[in-house]
Full PDB file with SEQRES, HELIX, SHEET, SSBOND, CRYST1, ORIGX, SCALE, CONECT and MASTER records, all heavy atoms in Angstrom:
SEQRES   1 A   42  PHE MET TYR GLU GLU GLU GLY VAL GLU PRO VAL GLU ARG          
SEQRES   2 A   42  MET GLY LYS CYS GLU GLY PHE ARG LEU ASN ASP LEU LYS          
SEQRES   3 A   42  ALA ILE TYR PRO LYS LEU LYS GLU ILE SER GLU ILE MET          
SEQRES   4 A   42  LYS ASN PRO                                                  
HELIX    1 AA1 LEU A   22  ILE A   28  1                                   7    
HELIX    2 AA2 TYR A   29  LYS A   31  5                                   3    
HELIX    3 AA3 LEU A   32  LYS A   40  1                                   9    
SHEET    1 AA1 2 MET A   2  GLU A   5  0                                        
SHEET    2 AA1 2 VAL A   8  GLU A  12 -1                                        
CRYST1    1.000    1.000    1.000  90.00  90.00  90.00 P 1           1          
ORIGX1      1.000000  0.000000  0.000000        0.00000                         
ORIGX2      0.000000  1.000000  0.000000        0.00000                         
ORIGX3      0.000000  0.000000  1.000000        0.00000                         
SCALE1      1.000000  0.000000  0.000000        0.00000                         
SCALE2      0.000000  1.000000  0.000000        0.00000                         
SCALE3      0.000000  0.000000  1.000000        0.00000                         
ATOM      1  N   PHE A   1      -6.349   7.411   4.465  1.00  0.00           N  
ATOM      2  CA  PHE A   1      -6.621   8.442   5.459  1.00  0.00           C  
ATOM      3  C   PHE A   1      -7.954   8.159   6.123  1.00  0.00           C  
ATOM      4  O   PHE A   1      -8.791   7.437   5.589  1.00  0.00           O  
ATOM      5  CB  PHE A   1      -6.623   9.835   4.813  1.00  0.00           C  
ATOM      6  CG  PHE A   1      -7.690  10.025   3.775  1.00  0.00           C  
ATOM      7  CD1 PHE A   1      -8.911  10.599   4.107  1.00  0.00           C  
ATOM      8  CD2 PHE A   1      -7.485   9.626   2.459  1.00  0.00           C  
ATOM      9  CE1 PHE A   1      -9.900  10.773   3.160  1.00  0.00           C  
ATOM     10  CE2 PHE A   1      -8.478   9.791   1.499  1.00  0.00           C  
ATOM     11  CZ  PHE A   1      -9.683  10.362   1.851  1.00  0.00           C  
ATOM     12  N   MET A   2      -8.138   8.749   7.301  1.00  0.00           N  
ATOM     13  CA  MET A   2      -9.397   8.590   8.021  1.00  0.00           C  
ATOM     14  C   MET A   2     -10.354   9.695   7.589  1.00  0.00           C  
ATOM     15  O   MET A   2     -10.013  10.874   7.622  1.00  0.00           O  
ATOM     16  CB  MET A   2      -9.182   8.648   9.528  1.00  0.00           C  
ATOM     17  CG  MET A   2      -8.379   7.492  10.079  1.00  0.00           C  
ATOM     18  SD  MET A   2      -9.036   5.860   9.667  1.00  0.00           S  
ATOM     19  CE  MET A   2     -10.543   5.837  10.603  1.00  0.00           C  
ATOM     20  N   TYR A   3     -11.532   9.283   7.145  1.00  0.00           N  
ATOM     21  CA  TYR A   3     -12.570  10.222   6.736  1.00  0.00           C  
ATOM     22  C   TYR A   3     -13.542  10.341   7.892  1.00  0.00           C  
ATOM     23  O   TYR A   3     -14.089   9.346   8.373  1.00  0.00           O  
ATOM     24  CB  TYR A   3     -13.281   9.719   5.479  1.00  0.00           C  
ATOM     25  CG  TYR A   3     -14.427  10.588   5.039  1.00  0.00           C  
ATOM     26  CD1 TYR A   3     -14.196  11.796   4.383  1.00  0.00           C  
ATOM     27  CD2 TYR A   3     -15.744  10.209   5.281  1.00  0.00           C  
ATOM     28  CE1 TYR A   3     -15.242  12.598   3.979  1.00  0.00           C  
ATOM     29  CE2 TYR A   3     -16.800  11.011   4.873  1.00  0.00           C  
ATOM     30  CZ  TYR A   3     -16.541  12.194   4.225  1.00  0.00           C  
ATOM     31  OH  TYR A   3     -17.579  12.991   3.823  1.00  0.00           O  
ATOM     32  N   GLU A   4     -13.745  11.566   8.340  1.00  0.00           N  
ATOM     33  CA  GLU A   4     -14.634  11.800   9.479  1.00  0.00           C  
ATOM     34  C   GLU A   4     -15.792  12.694   9.059  1.00  0.00           C  
ATOM     35  O   GLU A   4     -15.602  13.685   8.355  1.00  0.00           O  
ATOM     36  CB  GLU A   4     -13.865  12.440  10.624  1.00  0.00           C  
ATOM     37  CG  GLU A   4     -12.774  11.550  11.170  1.00  0.00           C  
ATOM     38  CD  GLU A   4     -12.071  12.154  12.362  1.00  0.00           C  
ATOM     39  OE1 GLU A   4     -12.703  12.929  13.104  1.00  0.00           O  
ATOM     40  OE2 GLU A   4     -10.889  11.837  12.550  1.00  0.00           O  
ATOM     41  N   GLU A   5     -16.950  12.307   9.495  1.00  0.00           N  
ATOM     42  CA  GLU A   5     -18.164  13.082   9.247  1.00  0.00           C  
ATOM     43  C   GLU A   5     -18.901  13.169  10.574  1.00  0.00           C  
ATOM     44  O   GLU A   5     -18.964  12.188  11.320  1.00  0.00           O  
ATOM     45  CB  GLU A   5     -19.019  12.354   8.193  1.00  0.00           C  
ATOM     46  CG  GLU A   5     -20.105  13.193   7.598  1.00  0.00           C  
ATOM     47  CD  GLU A   5     -20.802  12.453   6.470  1.00  0.00           C  
ATOM     48  OE1 GLU A   5     -20.126  11.895   5.607  1.00  0.00           O  
ATOM     49  OE2 GLU A   5     -22.042  12.436   6.486  1.00  0.00           O  
ATOM     50  N   GLU A   6     -19.454  14.316  10.871  1.00  0.00           N  
ATOM     51  CA  GLU A   6     -20.124  14.511  12.156  1.00  0.00           C  
ATOM     52  C   GLU A   6     -21.248  13.492  12.335  1.00  0.00           C  
ATOM     53  O   GLU A   6     -22.070  13.282  11.447  1.00  0.00           O  
ATOM     54  CB  GLU A   6     -20.690  15.932  12.242  1.00  0.00           C  
ATOM     55  CG  GLU A   6     -21.126  16.295  13.647  1.00  0.00           C  
ATOM     56  CD  GLU A   6     -21.537  17.743  13.775  1.00  0.00           C  
ATOM     57  OE1 GLU A   6     -20.889  18.598  13.132  1.00  0.00           O  
ATOM     58  OE2 GLU A   6     -22.491  17.999  14.510  1.00  0.00           O  
ATOM     59  N   GLY A   7     -21.249  12.847  13.494  1.00  0.00           N  
ATOM     60  CA  GLY A   7     -22.293  11.883  13.822  1.00  0.00           C  
ATOM     61  C   GLY A   7     -22.072  10.500  13.240  1.00  0.00           C  
ATOM     62  O   GLY A   7     -22.882   9.604  13.440  1.00  0.00           O  
ATOM     63  N   VAL A   8     -20.970  10.310  12.527  1.00  0.00           N  
ATOM     64  CA  VAL A   8     -20.673   9.015  11.914  1.00  0.00           C  
ATOM     65  C   VAL A   8     -19.281   8.578  12.348  1.00  0.00           C  
ATOM     66  O   VAL A   8     -18.361   9.393  12.436  1.00  0.00           O  
ATOM     67  CB  VAL A   8     -20.719   9.113  10.359  1.00  0.00           C  
ATOM     68  CG1 VAL A   8     -20.403   7.781   9.712  1.00  0.00           C  
ATOM     69  CG2 VAL A   8     -22.070   9.631   9.899  1.00  0.00           C  
ATOM     70  N   GLU A   9     -19.127   7.291  12.630  1.00  0.00           N  
ATOM     71  CA  GLU A   9     -17.823   6.780  13.030  1.00  0.00           C  
ATOM     72  C   GLU A   9     -16.818   6.938  11.882  1.00  0.00           C  
ATOM     73  O   GLU A   9     -17.149   6.669  10.721  1.00  0.00           O  
ATOM     74  CB  GLU A   9     -17.949   5.301  13.410  1.00  0.00           C  
ATOM     75  CG  GLU A   9     -16.728   4.785  14.108  1.00  0.00           C  
ATOM     76  CD  GLU A   9     -16.986   3.468  14.817  1.00  0.00           C  
ATOM     77  OE1 GLU A   9     -18.113   3.252  15.290  1.00  0.00           O  
ATOM     78  OE2 GLU A   9     -16.049   2.677  14.883  1.00  0.00           O  
ATOM     79  N   PRO A  10     -15.577   7.389  12.170  1.00  0.00           N  
ATOM     80  CA  PRO A  10     -14.566   7.571  11.114  1.00  0.00           C  
ATOM     81  C   PRO A  10     -14.307   6.269  10.365  1.00  0.00           C  
ATOM     82  O   PRO A  10     -14.358   5.180  10.936  1.00  0.00           O  
ATOM     83  CB  PRO A  10     -13.314   8.005  11.874  1.00  0.00           C  
ATOM     84  CG  PRO A  10     -13.781   8.470  13.199  1.00  0.00           C  
ATOM     85  CD  PRO A  10     -15.045   7.728  13.486  1.00  0.00           C  
ATOM     86  N   VAL A  11     -14.014   6.390   9.079  1.00  0.00           N  
ATOM     87  CA  VAL A  11     -13.757   5.226   8.238  1.00  0.00           C  
ATOM     88  C   VAL A  11     -12.486   5.490   7.419  1.00  0.00           C  
ATOM     89  O   VAL A  11     -12.221   6.619   7.024  1.00  0.00           O  
ATOM     90  CB  VAL A  11     -14.971   4.916   7.335  1.00  0.00           C  
ATOM     91  CG1 VAL A  11     -15.192   6.009   6.312  1.00  0.00           C  
ATOM     92  CG2 VAL A  11     -14.833   3.583   6.661  1.00  0.00           C  
ATOM     93  N   GLU A  12     -11.689   4.440   7.217  1.00  0.00           N  
ATOM     94  CA  GLU A  12     -10.474   4.590   6.425  1.00  0.00           C  
ATOM     95  C   GLU A  12     -10.825   4.636   4.945  1.00  0.00           C  
ATOM     96  O   GLU A  12     -11.577   3.817   4.445  1.00  0.00           O  
ATOM     97  CB  GLU A  12      -9.506   3.431   6.693  1.00  0.00           C  
ATOM     98  CG  GLU A  12      -8.165   3.625   6.040  1.00  0.00           C  
ATOM     99  CD  GLU A  12      -7.154   2.570   6.424  1.00  0.00           C  
ATOM    100  OE1 GLU A  12      -7.267   1.429   5.923  1.00  0.00           O  
ATOM    101  OE2 GLU A  12      -6.262   2.885   7.227  1.00  0.00           O  
ATOM    102  N   ARG A  13     -10.257   5.617   4.238  1.00  0.00           N  
ATOM    103  CA  ARG A  13     -10.494   5.785   2.798  1.00  0.00           C  
ATOM    104  C   ARG A  13      -9.161   5.738   2.068  1.00  0.00           C  
ATOM    105  O   ARG A  13      -8.122   6.067   2.621  1.00  0.00           O  
ATOM    106  CB  ARG A  13     -11.157   7.132   2.516  1.00  0.00           C  
ATOM    107  CG  ARG A  13     -12.555   7.254   3.058  1.00  0.00           C  
ATOM    108  CD  ARG A  13     -13.559   7.139   1.934  1.00  0.00           C  
ATOM    109  NE  ARG A  13     -14.917   7.158   2.418  1.00  0.00           N  
ATOM    110  CZ  ARG A  13     -15.765   8.144   2.222  1.00  0.00           C  
ATOM    111  NH1 ARG A  13     -15.399   9.229   1.583  1.00  0.00           N  
ATOM    112  NH2 ARG A  13     -16.999   8.056   2.665  1.00  0.00           N  
ATOM    113  N   MET A  14      -9.233   5.366   0.808  1.00  0.00           N  
ATOM    114  CA  MET A  14      -8.050   5.282  -0.023  1.00  0.00           C  
ATOM    115  C   MET A  14      -7.682   6.655  -0.556  1.00  0.00           C  
ATOM    116  O   MET A  14      -8.540   7.420  -0.980  1.00  0.00           O  
ATOM    117  CB  MET A  14      -8.337   4.330  -1.188  1.00  0.00           C  
ATOM    118  CG  MET A  14      -7.175   4.130  -2.112  1.00  0.00           C  
ATOM    119  SD  MET A  14      -7.558   2.977  -3.429  1.00  0.00           S  
ATOM    120  CE  MET A  14      -8.878   3.835  -4.254  1.00  0.00           C  
ATOM    121  N   GLY A  15      -6.385   6.960  -0.531  1.00  0.00           N  
ATOM    122  CA  GLY A  15      -5.880   8.202  -1.088  1.00  0.00           C  
ATOM    123  C   GLY A  15      -5.112   7.948  -2.374  1.00  0.00           C  
ATOM    124  O   GLY A  15      -5.354   6.974  -3.077  1.00  0.00           O  
ATOM    125  N   LYS A  16      -4.149   8.803  -2.636  1.00  0.00           N  
ATOM    126  CA  LYS A  16      -3.384   8.747  -3.877  1.00  0.00           C  
ATOM    127  C   LYS A  16      -2.253   7.722  -3.815  1.00  0.00           C  
ATOM    128  O   LYS A  16      -1.791   7.352  -2.748  1.00  0.00           O  
ATOM    129  CB  LYS A  16      -2.767  10.114  -4.162  1.00  0.00           C  
ATOM    130  CG  LYS A  16      -3.789  11.191  -4.422  1.00  0.00           C  
ATOM    131  CD  LYS A  16      -3.093  12.504  -4.699  1.00  0.00           C  
ATOM    132  CE  LYS A  16      -4.111  13.593  -4.986  1.00  0.00           C  
ATOM    133  NZ  LYS A  16      -3.473  14.872  -5.261  1.00  0.00           N  
ATOM    134  N   CYS A  17      -1.804   7.325  -5.014  1.00  0.00           N  
ATOM    135  CA  CYS A  17      -0.582   6.537  -5.140  1.00  0.00           C  
ATOM    136  C   CYS A  17       0.595   7.499  -5.117  1.00  0.00           C  
ATOM    137  O   CYS A  17       0.466   8.655  -5.496  1.00  0.00           O  
ATOM    138  CB  CYS A  17      -0.572   5.767  -6.451  1.00  0.00           C  
ATOM    139  SG  CYS A  17      -1.401   4.185  -6.362  1.00  0.00           S  
ATOM    140  N   GLU A  18       1.741   7.007  -4.675  1.00  0.00           N  
ATOM    141  CA  GLU A  18       2.972   7.794  -4.643  1.00  0.00           C  
ATOM    142  C   GLU A  18       4.052   7.040  -5.387  1.00  0.00           C  
ATOM    143  O   GLU A  18       3.960   5.830  -5.583  1.00  0.00           O  
ATOM    144  CB  GLU A  18       3.459   7.964  -3.194  1.00  0.00           C  
ATOM    145  CG  GLU A  18       2.702   8.923  -2.356  1.00  0.00           C  
ATOM    146  CD  GLU A  18       3.399   9.151  -1.016  1.00  0.00           C  
ATOM    147  OE1 GLU A  18       4.532   8.667  -0.808  1.00  0.00           O  
ATOM    148  OE2 GLU A  18       2.794   9.814  -0.174  1.00  0.00           O  
ATOM    149  N   GLY A  19       5.112   7.744  -5.717  1.00  0.00           N  
ATOM    150  CA  GLY A  19       6.286   7.106  -6.303  1.00  0.00           C  
ATOM    151  C   GLY A  19       7.097   6.410  -5.220  1.00  0.00           C  
ATOM    152  O   GLY A  19       6.998   6.728  -4.042  1.00  0.00           O  
ATOM    153  N   PHE A  20       7.911   5.441  -5.651  1.00  0.00           N  
ATOM    154  CA  PHE A  20       8.771   4.728  -4.714  1.00  0.00           C  
ATOM    155  C   PHE A  20      10.027   5.539  -4.413  1.00  0.00           C  
ATOM    156  O   PHE A  20      10.570   6.218  -5.279  1.00  0.00           O  
ATOM    157  CB  PHE A  20       9.180   3.373  -5.298  1.00  0.00           C  
ATOM    158  CG  PHE A  20       8.038   2.412  -5.443  1.00  0.00           C  
ATOM    159  CD1 PHE A  20       7.588   2.036  -6.691  1.00  0.00           C  
ATOM    160  CD2 PHE A  20       7.414   1.876  -4.330  1.00  0.00           C  
ATOM    161  CE1 PHE A  20       6.538   1.155  -6.836  1.00  0.00           C  
ATOM    162  CE2 PHE A  20       6.353   0.996  -4.455  1.00  0.00           C  
ATOM    163  CZ  PHE A  20       5.921   0.626  -5.721  1.00  0.00           C  
ATOM    164  N   ARG A  21      10.486   5.425  -3.175  1.00  0.00           N  
ATOM    165  CA  ARG A  21      11.733   6.051  -2.741  1.00  0.00           C  
ATOM    166  C   ARG A  21      12.733   4.938  -2.404  1.00  0.00           C  
ATOM    167  O   ARG A  21      12.368   3.764  -2.384  1.00  0.00           O  
ATOM    168  CB  ARG A  21      11.475   6.932  -1.523  1.00  0.00           C  
ATOM    169  CG  ARG A  21      10.614   8.151  -1.877  1.00  0.00           C  
ATOM    170  CD  ARG A  21      10.287   9.003  -0.651  1.00  0.00           C  
ATOM    171  NE  ARG A  21       9.605  10.219  -0.996  1.00  0.00           N  
ATOM    172  CZ  ARG A  21       8.324  10.315  -1.368  1.00  0.00           C  
ATOM    173  NH1 ARG A  21       7.584   9.235  -1.469  1.00  0.00           N  
ATOM    174  NH2 ARG A  21       7.783  11.487  -1.639  1.00  0.00           N  
ATOM    175  N   LEU A  22      13.958   5.310  -2.119  1.00  0.00           N  
ATOM    176  CA  LEU A  22      14.998   4.319  -1.846  1.00  0.00           C  
ATOM    177  C   LEU A  22      14.601   3.381  -0.707  1.00  0.00           C  
ATOM    178  O   LEU A  22      14.779   2.163  -0.802  1.00  0.00           O  
ATOM    179  CB  LEU A  22      16.327   5.017  -1.531  1.00  0.00           C  
ATOM    180  CG  LEU A  22      17.517   4.082  -1.259  1.00  0.00           C  
ATOM    181  CD1 LEU A  22      17.775   3.158  -2.447  1.00  0.00           C  
ATOM    182  CD2 LEU A  22      18.751   4.897  -0.927  1.00  0.00           C  
ATOM    183  N   ASN A  23      14.049   3.913   0.382  1.00  0.00           N  
ATOM    184  CA  ASN A  23      13.629   3.060   1.503  1.00  0.00           C  
ATOM    185  C   ASN A  23      12.534   2.077   1.098  1.00  0.00           C  
ATOM    186  O   ASN A  23      12.463   0.976   1.637  1.00  0.00           O  
ATOM    187  CB  ASN A  23      13.164   3.910   2.689  1.00  0.00           C  
ATOM    188  CG  ASN A  23      14.320   4.444   3.497  1.00  0.00           C  
ATOM    189  OD1 ASN A  23      15.427   3.921   3.435  1.00  0.00           O  
ATOM    190  ND2 ASN A  23      14.076   5.495   4.247  1.00  0.00           N  
ATOM    191  N   ASP A  24      11.690   2.469   0.161  1.00  0.00           N  
ATOM    192  CA  ASP A  24      10.656   1.560  -0.326  1.00  0.00           C  
ATOM    193  C   ASP A  24      11.297   0.385  -1.063  1.00  0.00           C  
ATOM    194  O   ASP A  24      10.893  -0.764  -0.899  1.00  0.00           O  
ATOM    195  CB  ASP A  24       9.698   2.292  -1.267  1.00  0.00           C  
ATOM    196  CG  ASP A  24       8.993   3.448  -0.591  1.00  0.00           C  
ATOM    197  OD1 ASP A  24       8.731   3.367   0.629  1.00  0.00           O  
ATOM    198  OD2 ASP A  24       8.706   4.445  -1.275  1.00  0.00           O  
ATOM    199  N   LEU A  25      12.304   0.687  -1.884  1.00  0.00           N  
ATOM    200  CA  LEU A  25      12.997  -0.374  -2.619  1.00  0.00           C  
ATOM    201  C   LEU A  25      13.695  -1.333  -1.665  1.00  0.00           C  
ATOM    202  O   LEU A  25      13.751  -2.543  -1.914  1.00  0.00           O  
ATOM    203  CB  LEU A  25      13.990   0.223  -3.609  1.00  0.00           C  
ATOM    204  CG  LEU A  25      13.373   1.086  -4.706  1.00  0.00           C  
ATOM    205  CD1 LEU A  25      14.461   1.642  -5.614  1.00  0.00           C  
ATOM    206  CD2 LEU A  25      12.354   0.303  -5.508  1.00  0.00           C  
ATOM    207  N   LYS A  26      14.201  -0.804  -0.553  1.00  0.00           N  
ATOM    208  CA  LYS A  26      14.835  -1.654   0.456  1.00  0.00           C  
ATOM    209  C   LYS A  26      13.821  -2.618   1.082  1.00  0.00           C  
ATOM    210  O   LYS A  26      14.175  -3.725   1.480  1.00  0.00           O  
ATOM    211  CB  LYS A  26      15.497  -0.806   1.534  1.00  0.00           C  
ATOM    212  CG  LYS A  26      16.735  -0.090   1.054  1.00  0.00           C  
ATOM    213  CD  LYS A  26      17.316   0.801   2.151  1.00  0.00           C  
ATOM    214  CE  LYS A  26      18.538   1.554   1.640  1.00  0.00           C  
ATOM    215  NZ  LYS A  26      19.076   2.474   2.670  1.00  0.00           N  
ATOM    216  N   ALA A  27      12.562  -2.207   1.190  1.00  0.00           N  
ATOM    217  CA  ALA A  27      11.508  -3.079   1.723  1.00  0.00           C  
ATOM    218  C   ALA A  27      11.050  -4.089   0.667  1.00  0.00           C  
ATOM    219  O   ALA A  27      10.710  -5.224   0.995  1.00  0.00           O  
ATOM    220  CB  ALA A  27      10.323  -2.243   2.198  1.00  0.00           C  
ATOM    221  N   ILE A  28      11.049  -3.675  -0.587  1.00  0.00           N  
ATOM    222  CA  ILE A  28      10.579  -4.534  -1.683  1.00  0.00           C  
ATOM    223  C   ILE A  28      11.597  -5.614  -2.033  1.00  0.00           C  
ATOM    224  O   ILE A  28      11.233  -6.779  -2.240  1.00  0.00           O  
ATOM    225  CB  ILE A  28      10.256  -3.673  -2.927  1.00  0.00           C  
ATOM    226  CG1 ILE A  28       9.035  -2.790  -2.659  1.00  0.00           C  
ATOM    227  CG2 ILE A  28      10.038  -4.541  -4.158  1.00  0.00           C  
ATOM    228  CD1 ILE A  28       8.825  -1.691  -3.689  1.00  0.00           C  
ATOM    229  N   TYR A  29      12.876  -5.252  -2.105  1.00  0.00           N  
ATOM    230  CA  TYR A  29      13.909  -6.150  -2.614  1.00  0.00           C  
ATOM    231  C   TYR A  29      13.929  -7.534  -1.949  1.00  0.00           C  
ATOM    232  O   TYR A  29      13.951  -8.549  -2.647  1.00  0.00           O  
ATOM    233  CB  TYR A  29      15.288  -5.489  -2.537  1.00  0.00           C  
ATOM    234  CG  TYR A  29      16.369  -6.350  -3.116  1.00  0.00           C  
ATOM    235  CD1 TYR A  29      16.480  -6.513  -4.496  1.00  0.00           C  
ATOM    236  CD2 TYR A  29      17.262  -7.029  -2.294  1.00  0.00           C  
ATOM    237  CE1 TYR A  29      17.455  -7.322  -5.042  1.00  0.00           C  
ATOM    238  CE2 TYR A  29      18.241  -7.840  -2.829  1.00  0.00           C  
ATOM    239  CZ  TYR A  29      18.333  -7.986  -4.198  1.00  0.00           C  
ATOM    240  OH  TYR A  29      19.301  -8.799  -4.726  1.00  0.00           O  
ATOM    241  N   PRO A  30      13.902  -7.641  -0.610  1.00  0.00           N  
ATOM    242  CA  PRO A  30      13.949  -8.977   0.007  1.00  0.00           C  
ATOM    243  C   PRO A  30      12.724  -9.841  -0.319  1.00  0.00           C  
ATOM    244  O   PRO A  30      12.780 -11.060  -0.182  1.00  0.00           O  
ATOM    245  CB  PRO A  30      14.011  -8.695   1.504  1.00  0.00           C  
ATOM    246  CG  PRO A  30      14.324  -7.261   1.647  1.00  0.00           C  
ATOM    247  CD  PRO A  30      13.924  -6.579   0.386  1.00  0.00           C  
ATOM    248  N   LYS A  31      11.651  -9.227  -0.740  1.00  0.00           N  
ATOM    249  CA  LYS A  31      10.408  -9.963  -1.027  1.00  0.00           C  
ATOM    250  C   LYS A  31      10.132 -10.069  -2.517  1.00  0.00           C  
ATOM    251  O   LYS A  31       9.051 -10.471  -2.929  1.00  0.00           O  
ATOM    252  CB  LYS A  31       9.243  -9.281  -0.310  1.00  0.00           C  
ATOM    253  CG  LYS A  31       9.427  -9.260   1.194  1.00  0.00           C  
ATOM    254  CD  LYS A  31       8.302  -8.566   1.899  1.00  0.00           C  
ATOM    255  CE  LYS A  31       8.569  -8.582   3.398  1.00  0.00           C  
ATOM    256  NZ  LYS A  31       7.503  -7.965   4.135  1.00  0.00           N  
ATOM    257  N   LEU A  32      11.115  -9.718  -3.344  1.00  0.00           N  
ATOM    258  CA  LEU A  32      10.922  -9.668  -4.785  1.00  0.00           C  
ATOM    259  C   LEU A  32      10.494 -11.008  -5.381  1.00  0.00           C  
ATOM    260  O   LEU A  32       9.610 -11.054  -6.244  1.00  0.00           O  
ATOM    261  CB  LEU A  32      12.200  -9.171  -5.459  1.00  0.00           C  
ATOM    262  CG  LEU A  32      12.071  -8.532  -6.817  1.00  0.00           C  
ATOM    263  CD1 LEU A  32      10.981  -7.473  -6.863  1.00  0.00           C  
ATOM    264  CD2 LEU A  32      13.396  -7.939  -7.248  1.00  0.00           C  
ATOM    265  N   LYS A  33      11.073 -12.097  -4.914  1.00  0.00           N  
ATOM    266  CA  LYS A  33      10.709 -13.423  -5.438  1.00  0.00           C  
ATOM    267  C   LYS A  33       9.239 -13.736  -5.125  1.00  0.00           C  
ATOM    268  O   LYS A  33       8.493 -14.189  -5.992  1.00  0.00           O  
ATOM    269  CB  LYS A  33      11.626 -14.498  -4.854  1.00  0.00           C  
ATOM    270  CG  LYS A  33      11.407 -15.848  -5.460  1.00  0.00           C  
ATOM    271  CD  LYS A  33      12.432 -16.857  -4.967  1.00  0.00           C  
ATOM    272  CE  LYS A  33      12.189 -18.185  -5.639  1.00  0.00           C  
ATOM    273  NZ  LYS A  33      13.196 -19.174  -5.287  1.00  0.00           N  
ATOM    274  N   GLU A  34       8.835 -13.474  -3.892  1.00  0.00           N  
ATOM    275  CA  GLU A  34       7.443 -13.723  -3.480  1.00  0.00           C  
ATOM    276  C   GLU A  34       6.473 -12.819  -4.257  1.00  0.00           C  
ATOM    277  O   GLU A  34       5.410 -13.258  -4.694  1.00  0.00           O  
ATOM    278  CB  GLU A  34       7.305 -13.489  -1.976  1.00  0.00           C  
ATOM    279  CG  GLU A  34       5.958 -13.868  -1.416  1.00  0.00           C  
ATOM    280  CD  GLU A  34       5.869 -13.636   0.093  1.00  0.00           C  
ATOM    281  OE1 GLU A  34       6.874 -13.286   0.740  1.00  0.00           O  
ATOM    282  OE2 GLU A  34       4.753 -13.806   0.610  1.00  0.00           O  
ATOM    283  N   ILE A  35       6.860 -11.554  -4.441  1.00  0.00           N  
ATOM    284  CA  ILE A  35       6.034 -10.607  -5.196  1.00  0.00           C  
ATOM    285  C   ILE A  35       5.849 -11.090  -6.626  1.00  0.00           C  
ATOM    286  O   ILE A  35       4.732 -11.137  -7.147  1.00  0.00           O  
ATOM    287  CB  ILE A  35       6.655  -9.194  -5.178  1.00  0.00           C  
ATOM    288  CG1 ILE A  35       6.627  -8.613  -3.771  1.00  0.00           C  
ATOM    289  CG2 ILE A  35       5.939  -8.267  -6.157  1.00  0.00           C  
ATOM    290  CD1 ILE A  35       7.515  -7.399  -3.584  1.00  0.00           C  
ATOM    291  N   SER A  36       6.953 -11.492  -7.262  1.00  0.00           N  
ATOM    292  CA  SER A  36       6.851 -11.920  -8.660  1.00  0.00           C  
ATOM    293  C   SER A  36       6.040 -13.201  -8.793  1.00  0.00           C  
ATOM    294  O   SER A  36       5.310 -13.382  -9.765  1.00  0.00           O  
ATOM    295  CB  SER A  36       8.227 -12.052  -9.307  1.00  0.00           C  
ATOM    296  OG  SER A  36       9.056 -12.903  -8.586  1.00  0.00           O  
ATOM    297  N   GLU A  37       6.115 -14.102  -7.808  1.00  0.00           N  
ATOM    298  CA  GLU A  37       5.298 -15.324  -7.850  1.00  0.00           C  
ATOM    299  C   GLU A  37       3.808 -14.995  -7.792  1.00  0.00           C  
ATOM    300  O   GLU A  37       3.005 -15.567  -8.517  1.00  0.00           O  
ATOM    301  CB  GLU A  37       5.665 -16.269  -6.702  1.00  0.00           C  
ATOM    302  CG  GLU A  37       6.821 -17.171  -6.989  1.00  0.00           C  
ATOM    303  CD  GLU A  37       6.633 -18.025  -8.228  1.00  0.00           C  
ATOM    304  OE1 GLU A  37       5.588 -18.694  -8.374  1.00  0.00           O  
ATOM    305  OE2 GLU A  37       7.548 -18.011  -9.073  1.00  0.00           O  
ATOM    306  N   ILE A  38       3.447 -14.070  -6.918  1.00  0.00           N  
ATOM    307  CA  ILE A  38       2.040 -13.666  -6.815  1.00  0.00           C  
ATOM    308  C   ILE A  38       1.579 -13.017  -8.117  1.00  0.00           C  
ATOM    309  O   ILE A  38       0.481 -13.277  -8.601  1.00  0.00           O  
ATOM    310  CB  ILE A  38       1.823 -12.710  -5.624  1.00  0.00           C  
ATOM    311  CG1 ILE A  38       1.984 -13.476  -4.312  1.00  0.00           C  
ATOM    312  CG2 ILE A  38       0.447 -12.046  -5.688  1.00  0.00           C  
ATOM    313  CD1 ILE A  38       1.996 -12.598  -3.086  1.00  0.00           C  
ATOM    314  N   MET A  39       2.452 -12.195  -8.700  1.00  0.00           N  
ATOM    315  CA  MET A  39       2.064 -11.503  -9.933  1.00  0.00           C  
ATOM    316  C   MET A  39       1.963 -12.472 -11.118  1.00  0.00           C  
ATOM    317  O   MET A  39       1.114 -12.312 -11.983  1.00  0.00           O  
ATOM    318  CB  MET A  39       3.040 -10.369 -10.228  1.00  0.00           C  
ATOM    319  CG  MET A  39       2.942  -9.250  -9.199  1.00  0.00           C  
ATOM    320  SD  MET A  39       4.061  -7.885  -9.481  1.00  0.00           S  
ATOM    321  CE  MET A  39       3.056  -6.888 -10.584  1.00  0.00           C  
ATOM    322  N   LYS A  40       2.824 -13.508 -11.134  1.00  0.00           N  
ATOM    323  CA  LYS A  40       2.781 -14.499 -12.218  1.00  0.00           C  
ATOM    324  C   LYS A  40       1.648 -15.500 -12.027  1.00  0.00           C  
ATOM    325  O   LYS A  40       1.040 -15.937 -12.989  1.00  0.00           O  
ATOM    326  CB  LYS A  40       4.104 -15.263 -12.306  1.00  0.00           C  
ATOM    327  CG  LYS A  40       5.229 -14.468 -12.917  1.00  0.00           C  
ATOM    328  CD  LYS A  40       6.430 -15.348 -13.205  1.00  0.00           C  
ATOM    329  CE  LYS A  40       7.190 -15.634 -11.934  1.00  0.00           C  
ATOM    330  NZ  LYS A  40       8.454 -16.350 -12.160  1.00  0.00           N  
ATOM    331  N   ASN A  41       1.397 -15.879 -10.767  1.00  0.00           N  
ATOM    332  CA  ASN A  41       0.404 -16.912 -10.451  1.00  0.00           C  
ATOM    333  C   ASN A  41      -0.542 -16.418  -9.366  1.00  0.00           C  
ATOM    334  O   ASN A  41      -0.515 -16.908  -8.240  1.00  0.00           O  
ATOM    335  CB  ASN A  41       1.105 -18.192  -9.975  1.00  0.00           C  
ATOM    336  CG  ASN A  41       2.082 -18.710 -10.982  1.00  0.00           C  
ATOM    337  OD1 ASN A  41       1.720 -18.981 -12.114  1.00  0.00           O  
ATOM    338  ND2 ASN A  41       3.341 -18.827 -10.583  1.00  0.00           N  
ATOM    339  N   PRO A  42      -1.398 -15.458  -9.689  1.00  0.00           N  
ATOM    340  CA  PRO A  42      -2.292 -14.905  -8.659  1.00  0.00           C  
ATOM    341  C   PRO A  42      -3.364 -15.906  -8.255  1.00  0.00           C  
ATOM    342  O   PRO A  42      -3.680 -16.833  -9.010  1.00  0.00           O  
ATOM    343  CB  PRO A  42      -2.928 -13.711  -9.363  1.00  0.00           C  
ATOM    344  CG  PRO A  42      -2.891 -14.080 -10.806  1.00  0.00           C  
ATOM    345  CD  PRO A  42      -1.629 -14.873 -10.999  1.00  0.00           C  
TER     346      PRO A  42                                                      
MASTER        0    0    0    3    2    0    0    6  345    1    0    4          
END                                                                             
């Protein structure tokens, strides 16, 4: 999310983690081999 403070340029900040939904799995599945390679050999 964008954190804004008066007089300071907005900056992107990290928020919470969420659970995966079906559409997320559809994005992950085609890249599963590449993901596992990175996780095995970072």
